[in-house]
């Protein structure tokens, strides 16, 4: 089967779109309250450049500010809680750093 130039261009465009950050997919996050604390796992949803919604089931003692690592995307951000509703916590990113993984910081 011979693939024409139009088909090849179409495939390249699809692959390029896949490489971009898909912010609609839920992500795994790690919340740190202080550098010495153990991480608390959460799901990161509705992820934008400035905000996100964290789902932390059964967690009541979340402080108003903390550090969040979003592992699949290698993002470290300082967060401030905007609102809480059940297990969903709306946060604002106050400082974002790309290319930082939780495992590389703790190793």
C-alpha atoms as a PDB file:
ATOM      1  CA  UNK A   1       0.000   0.000   0.000  1.00  0.00           C
ATOM      2  CA  UNK A   2       1.406   3.362  -1.035  1.00  0.00           C
ATOM      3  CA  UNK A   3       0.635   6.343   1.168  1.00  0.00           C
ATOM      4  CA  UNK A   4       0.169   9.631  -0.626  1.00  0.00           C
ATOM      5  CA  UNK A   5       1.605  12.977   0.499  1.00  0.00           C
ATOM      6  CA  UNK A   6      -1.787  14.131   1.761  1.00  0.00           C
ATOM      7  CA  UNK A   7      -2.157  11.047   3.991  1.00  0.00           C
ATOM      8  CA  UNK A   8       1.384  11.503   5.381  1.00  0.00           C
ATOM      9  CA  UNK A   9       0.715  15.172   6.200  1.00  0.00           C
ATOM     10  CA  UNK A  10      -2.532  14.212   7.938  1.00  0.00           C
ATOM     11  CA  UNK A  11      -0.725  11.623  10.086  1.00  0.00           C
ATOM     12  CA  UNK A  12       1.986  14.128  11.056  1.00  0.00           C
ATOM     13  CA  UNK A  13      -0.663  16.605  12.155  1.00  0.00           C
ATOM     14  CA  UNK A  14      -2.375  13.975  14.335  1.00  0.00           C
ATOM     15  CA  UNK A  15       0.952  12.946  15.936  1.00  0.00           C
ATOM     16  CA  UNK A  16       1.822  16.592  16.642  1.00  0.00           C
ATOM     17  CA  UNK A  17      -1.536  17.094  18.349  1.00  0.00           C
ATOM     18  CA  UNK A  18      -0.939  14.015  20.520  1.00  0.00           C
ATOM     19  CA  UNK A  19       2.390  15.408  21.710  1.00  0.00           C
ATOM     20  CA  UNK A  20       0.719  18.559  23.022  1.00  0.00           C
ATOM     21  CA  UNK A  21      -0.433  18.600  26.638  1.00  0.00           C
ATOM     22  CA  UNK A  22      -4.000  17.297  26.872  1.00  0.00           C
ATOM     23  CA  UNK A  23      -5.338  19.183  29.865  1.00  0.00           C
ATOM     24  CA  UNK A  24      -8.741  17.486  29.882  1.00  0.00           C
ATOM     25  CA  UNK A  25      -7.378  14.124  31.015  1.00  0.00           C
ATOM     26  CA  UNK A  26      -7.147  13.544  34.772  1.00  0.00           C
ATOM     27  CA  UNK A  27      -3.644  13.483  36.163  1.00  0.00           C
ATOM     28  CA  UNK A  28      -1.999  11.981  39.237  1.00  0.00           C
ATOM     29  CA  UNK A  29      -0.681  14.550  41.677  1.00  0.00           C
ATOM     30  CA  UNK A  30       1.302  14.570  44.879  1.00  0.00           C
ATOM     31  CA  UNK A  31       0.589  17.192  47.525  1.00  0.00           C
ATOM     32  CA  UNK A  32       3.366  18.233  49.918  1.00  0.00           C
ATOM     33  CA  UNK A  33       2.650  20.416  52.925  1.00  0.00           C
ATOM     34  CA  UNK A  34       6.330  20.897  53.820  1.00  0.00           C
ATOM     35  CA  UNK A  35       9.627  19.573  52.407  1.00  0.00           C
ATOM     36  CA  UNK A  36       9.831  16.980  55.216  1.00  0.00           C
ATOM     37  CA  UNK A  37       6.232  15.731  54.913  1.00  0.00           C
ATOM     38  CA  UNK A  38       5.125  12.566  53.161  1.00  0.00           C
ATOM     39  CA  UNK A  39       3.211  13.155  49.916  1.00  0.00           C
ATOM     40  CA  UNK A  40      -0.562  12.816  49.738  1.00  0.00           C
ATOM     41  CA  UNK A  41      -1.868  11.473  46.427  1.00  0.00           C
ATOM     42  CA  UNK A  42      -4.689  13.173  44.559  1.00  0.00           C
ATOM     43  CA  UNK A  43      -6.315  13.356  41.121  1.00  0.00           C
ATOM     44  CA  UNK A  44      -5.888  16.588  39.180  1.00  0.00           C
ATOM     45  CA  UNK A  45      -8.866  17.498  36.987  1.00  0.00           C
ATOM     46  CA  UNK A  46      -9.954  20.571  34.993  1.00  0.00           C
ATOM     47  CA  UNK A  47      -6.296  21.497  34.612  1.00  0.00           C
ATOM     48  CA  UNK A  48      -5.518  24.938  33.103  1.00  0.00           C
ATOM     49  CA  UNK A  49      -2.474  27.203  33.244  1.00  0.00           C
ATOM     50  CA  UNK A  50      -3.833  29.024  36.324  1.00  0.00           C
ATOM     51  CA  UNK A  51      -6.241  26.627  38.088  1.00  0.00           C
ATOM     52  CA  UNK A  52      -7.071  22.979  38.734  1.00  0.00           C
ATOM     53  CA  UNK A  53      -9.522  20.861  40.667  1.00  0.00           C
ATOM     54  CA  UNK A  54      -8.025  18.297  43.019  1.00  0.00           C
ATOM     55  CA  UNK A  55      -9.942  15.248  44.188  1.00  0.00           C
ATOM     56  CA  UNK A  56      -8.754  14.008  47.572  1.00  0.00           C
ATOM     57  CA  UNK A  57     -11.160  11.510  49.051  1.00  0.00           C
ATOM     58  CA  UNK A  58     -11.416  11.554  52.827  1.00  0.00           C
ATOM     59  CA  UNK A  59      -8.891  14.353  53.329  1.00  0.00           C
ATOM     60  CA  UNK A  60     -10.090  17.046  55.717  1.00  0.00           C
ATOM     61  CA  UNK A  61      -6.923  18.773  56.955  1.00  0.00           C
ATOM     62  CA  UNK A  62      -5.672  20.419  53.749  1.00  0.00           C
ATOM     63  CA  UNK A  63      -3.935  23.739  54.507  1.00  0.00           C
ATOM     64  CA  UNK A  64      -4.720  26.871  52.498  1.00  0.00           C
ATOM     65  CA  UNK A  65      -1.394  26.683  50.592  1.00  0.00           C
ATOM     66  CA  UNK A  66       0.857  23.778  49.599  1.00  0.00           C
ATOM     67  CA  UNK A  67       3.103  22.392  46.837  1.00  0.00           C
ATOM     68  CA  UNK A  68       1.674  20.163  44.112  1.00  0.00           C
ATOM     69  CA  UNK A  69       3.655  17.895  41.799  1.00  0.00           C
ATOM     70  CA  UNK A  70       1.853  16.795  38.635  1.00  0.00           C
ATOM     71  CA  UNK A  71       3.947  13.763  37.717  1.00  0.00           C
ATOM     72  CA  UNK A  72       3.092  12.900  34.120  1.00  0.00           C
ATOM     73  CA  UNK A  73       3.801  16.471  33.012  1.00  0.00           C
ATOM     74  CA  UNK A  74       6.822  17.170  35.269  1.00  0.00           C
ATOM     75  CA  UNK A  75       5.235  20.256  36.822  1.00  0.00           C
ATOM     76  CA  UNK A  76       5.803  21.639  40.322  1.00  0.00           C
ATOM     77  CA  UNK A  77       3.471  24.372  41.441  1.00  0.00           C
ATOM     78  CA  UNK A  78       2.668  26.242  44.609  1.00  0.00           C
ATOM     79  CA  UNK A  79      -1.089  26.260  45.150  1.00  0.00           C
ATOM     80  CA  UNK A  80      -3.606  28.344  47.048  1.00  0.00           C
ATOM     81  CA  UNK A  81      -7.026  26.887  47.862  1.00  0.00           C
ATOM     82  CA  UNK A  82      -9.899  28.826  46.297  1.00  0.00           C
ATOM     83  CA  UNK A  83     -12.849  26.648  47.336  1.00  0.00           C
ATOM     84  CA  UNK A  84     -13.718  23.268  48.819  1.00  0.00           C
ATOM     85  CA  UNK A  85     -16.784  21.216  48.009  1.00  0.00           C
ATOM     86  CA  UNK A  86     -16.836  17.665  49.332  1.00  0.00           C
ATOM     87  CA  UNK A  87     -13.735  15.873  48.083  1.00  0.00           C
ATOM     88  CA  UNK A  88     -13.145  18.438  45.289  1.00  0.00           C
ATOM     89  CA  UNK A  89     -10.774  21.304  45.986  1.00  0.00           C
ATOM     90  CA  UNK A  90     -10.395  24.187  43.546  1.00  0.00           C
ATOM     91  CA  UNK A  91      -6.842  25.595  43.613  1.00  0.00           C
ATOM     92  CA  UNK A  92      -5.021  28.502  42.007  1.00  0.00           C
ATOM     93  CA  UNK A  93      -1.409  28.131  40.870  1.00  0.00           C
ATOM     94  CA  UNK A  94       0.717  30.873  42.417  1.00  0.00           C
ATOM     95  CA  UNK A  95       4.086  29.717  41.043  1.00  0.00           C
ATOM     96  CA  UNK A  96       4.671  27.112  38.318  1.00  0.00           C
ATOM     97  CA  UNK A  97       7.945  25.397  37.432  1.00  0.00           C
ATOM     98  CA  UNK A  98       8.237  23.060  34.422  1.00  0.00           C
ATOM     99  CA  UNK A  99      10.560  20.064  34.172  1.00  0.00           C
ATOM    100  CA  UNK A 100      10.569  19.156  37.885  1.00  0.00           C
ATOM    101  CA  UNK A 101       9.623  15.645  38.947  1.00  0.00           C
ATOM    102  CA  UNK A 102       8.815  14.649  42.503  1.00  0.00           C
ATOM    103  CA  UNK A 103      11.093  11.611  42.374  1.00  0.00           C
ATOM    104  CA  UNK A 104      14.114  13.669  41.303  1.00  0.00           C
ATOM    105  CA  UNK A 105      13.587  16.086  44.209  1.00  0.00           C
ATOM    106  CA  UNK A 106      13.363  13.358  46.853  1.00  0.00           C
ATOM    107  CA  UNK A 107      16.134  11.123  45.478  1.00  0.00           C
END
